[in-house]
Amino acid sequence: MSTQRPPQDPESHPRVKAVFDDMRVTRQTDFINSFWRTLAFDPDLLERTWHEVKQVMAKPSLLDPVTKEMIFIAVSVANACTFCVH
């Protein structure tokens, strides 16, 4: 299986910077984890993935944000995704 390394300076690309800035505002943190930094190798993929995650995790719904995160962790455990669980 091949792997993809994160770009050296992902925010030098304006589309990546825009997505990361939106993440910072939406998630109320300056931290951008390695998953998102690695997706930055492809700005289209980064934008699509963030849009989909944002629709589920950040959009107001009957579930509060903490419950959504707990479900995310439970699904990650069930799928044995050690990266997501970490």
C-alpha atoms as a PDB file:
ATOM      1  CA  MET A   1       0.000   0.000   0.000  1.00  0.00           C
ATOM      2  CA  SER A   2       1.362   3.405  -0.894  1.00  0.00           C
ATOM      3  CA  THR A   3       1.285   6.325   1.497  1.00  0.00           C
ATOM      4  CA  GLN A   4       1.013  10.043   1.016  1.00  0.00           C
ATOM      5  CA  ARG A   5       3.187  12.483   2.904  1.00  0.00           C
ATOM      6  CA  PRO A   6       1.788  15.838   4.006  1.00  0.00           C
ATOM      7  CA  PRO A   7       2.971  18.799   1.930  1.00  0.00           C
ATOM      8  CA  GLN A   8       5.793  20.829   3.491  1.00  0.00           C
ATOM      9  CA  ASP A   9       3.840  24.106   3.588  1.00  0.00           C
ATOM     10  CA  PRO A  10       0.201  23.274   2.818  1.00  0.00           C
ATOM     11  CA  GLU A  11      -1.089  26.760   3.600  1.00  0.00           C
ATOM     12  CA  SER A  12       0.969  28.258   0.803  1.00  0.00           C
ATOM     13  CA  HIS A  13      -1.860  27.086  -1.482  1.00  0.00           C
ATOM     14  CA  PRO A  14      -4.736  29.604  -1.194  1.00  0.00           C
ATOM     15  CA  ARG A  15      -7.498  26.962  -1.364  1.00  0.00           C
ATOM     16  CA  VAL A  16      -5.882  24.900   1.378  1.00  0.00           C
ATOM     17  CA  LYS A  17      -5.414  28.002   3.523  1.00  0.00           C
ATOM     18  CA  ALA A  18      -9.095  28.881   3.055  1.00  0.00           C
ATOM     19  CA  VAL A  19     -10.198  25.416   4.183  1.00  0.00           C
ATOM     20  CA  PHE A  20      -7.850  25.435   7.171  1.00  0.00           C
ATOM     21  CA  ASP A  21      -9.068  28.918   8.151  1.00  0.00           C
ATOM     22  CA  ASP A  22     -12.676  27.685   7.960  1.00  0.00           C
ATOM     23  CA  MET A  23     -11.749  24.698  10.138  1.00  0.00           C
ATOM     24  CA  ARG A  24     -10.185  26.990  12.725  1.00  0.00           C
ATOM     25  CA  VAL A  25     -13.309  29.145  12.904  1.00  0.00           C
ATOM     26  CA  THR A  26     -15.771  26.240  12.805  1.00  0.00           C
ATOM     27  CA  ARG A  27     -13.940  24.096  15.361  1.00  0.00           C
ATOM     28  CA  GLN A  28     -12.784  27.091  17.462  1.00  0.00           C
ATOM     29  CA  THR A  29      -9.176  25.903  17.577  1.00  0.00           C
ATOM     30  CA  ASP A  30      -5.934  26.652  15.771  1.00  0.00           C
ATOM     31  CA  PHE A  31      -4.990  22.949  15.690  1.00  0.00           C
ATOM     32  CA  ILE A  32      -5.117  21.239  12.273  1.00  0.00           C
ATOM     33  CA  ASN A  33      -4.337  17.549  12.678  1.00  0.00           C
ATOM     34  CA  SER A  34      -2.220  15.371  10.406  1.00  0.00           C
ATOM     35  CA  PHE A  35      -5.263  13.861   8.669  1.00  0.00           C
ATOM     36  CA  TRP A  36      -6.231  17.251   7.243  1.00  0.00           C
ATOM     37  CA  ARG A  37      -2.628  18.273   6.585  1.00  0.00           C
ATOM     38  CA  THR A  38      -2.112  15.102   4.568  1.00  0.00           C
ATOM     39  CA  LEU A  39      -5.305  15.643   2.550  1.00  0.00           C
ATOM     40  CA  ALA A  40      -3.889  19.047   1.617  1.00  0.00           C
ATOM     41  CA  PHE A  41      -1.808  17.328  -1.092  1.00  0.00           C
ATOM     42  CA  ASP A  42      -5.041  17.521  -3.147  1.00  0.00           C
ATOM     43  CA  PRO A  43      -7.012  20.757  -2.548  1.00  0.00           C
ATOM     44  CA  ASP A  44     -10.118  19.353  -4.288  1.00  0.00           C
ATOM     45  CA  LEU A  45     -10.152  16.302  -2.018  1.00  0.00           C
ATOM     46  CA  LEU A  46      -9.517  18.451   1.050  1.00  0.00           C
ATOM     47  CA  GLU A  47     -12.397  20.795   0.184  1.00  0.00           C
ATOM     48  CA  ARG A  48     -14.841  17.958  -0.541  1.00  0.00           C
ATOM     49  CA  THR A  49     -13.953  16.016   2.579  1.00  0.00           C
ATOM     50  CA  TRP A  50     -14.142  19.068   4.850  1.00  0.00           C
ATOM     51  CA  HIS A  51     -17.492  20.062   3.337  1.00  0.00           C
ATOM     52  CA  GLU A  52     -18.949  16.605   4.032  1.00  0.00           C
ATOM     53  CA  VAL A  53     -17.546  16.380   7.561  1.00  0.00           C
ATOM     54  CA  LYS A  54     -18.685  19.917   8.335  1.00  0.00           C
ATOM     55  CA  GLN A  55     -22.232  19.101   7.198  1.00  0.00           C
ATOM     56  CA  VAL A  56     -22.442  16.261   9.693  1.00  0.00           C
ATOM     57  CA  MET A  57     -20.313  17.435  12.606  1.00  0.00           C
ATOM     58  CA  ALA A  58     -20.792  21.226  12.661  1.00  0.00           C
ATOM     59  CA  LYS A  59     -24.317  21.686  11.364  1.00  0.00           C
ATOM     60  CA  PRO A  60     -26.861  22.174  14.161  1.00  0.00           C
ATOM     61  CA  SER A  61     -29.052  19.110  14.679  1.00  0.00           C
ATOM     62  CA  LEU A  62     -30.873  17.198  17.396  1.00  0.00           C
ATOM     63  CA  LEU A  63     -27.513  15.782  18.511  1.00  0.00           C
ATOM     64  CA  ASP A  64     -25.160  18.063  20.379  1.00  0.00           C
ATOM     65  CA  PRO A  65     -21.507  18.273  19.230  1.00  0.00           C
ATOM     66  CA  VAL A  66     -20.208  16.117  22.111  1.00  0.00           C
ATOM     67  CA  THR A  67     -22.639  13.306  21.258  1.00  0.00           C
ATOM     68  CA  LYS A  68     -21.573  13.483  17.610  1.00  0.00           C
ATOM     69  CA  GLU A  69     -17.919  13.165  18.631  1.00  0.00           C
ATOM     70  CA  MET A  70     -18.748  10.207  20.900  1.00  0.00           C
ATOM     71  CA  ILE A  71     -20.515   8.464  18.002  1.00  0.00           C
ATOM     72  CA  PHE A  72     -17.494   9.219  15.788  1.00  0.00           C
ATOM     73  CA  ILE A  73     -15.208   7.552  18.343  1.00  0.00           C
ATOM     74  CA  ALA A  74     -17.532   4.553  18.785  1.00  0.00           C
ATOM     75  CA  VAL A  75     -17.656   3.979  15.023  1.00  0.00           C
ATOM     76  CA  SER A  76     -13.875   4.353  14.820  1.00  0.00           C
ATOM     77  CA  VAL A  77     -13.440   1.746  17.547  1.00  0.00           C
ATOM     78  CA  ALA A  78     -15.898  -0.608  15.819  1.00  0.00           C
ATOM     79  CA  ASN A  79     -13.966  -0.178  12.563  1.00  0.00           C
ATOM     80  CA  ALA A  80     -10.624  -0.626  14.361  1.00  0.00           C
ATOM     81  CA  CYS A  81      -9.304   2.705  13.069  1.00  0.00           C
ATOM     82  CA  THR A  82      -6.457   3.347  15.459  1.00  0.00           C
ATOM     83  CA  PHE A  83      -5.685   6.723  13.848  1.00  0.00           C
ATOM     84  CA  CYS A  84      -9.239   7.972  14.445  1.00  0.00           C
ATOM     85  CA  VAL A  85      -9.390   6.592  17.975  1.00  0.00           C
ATOM     86  CA  HIS A  86      -6.080   8.224  18.867  1.00  0.00           C
END
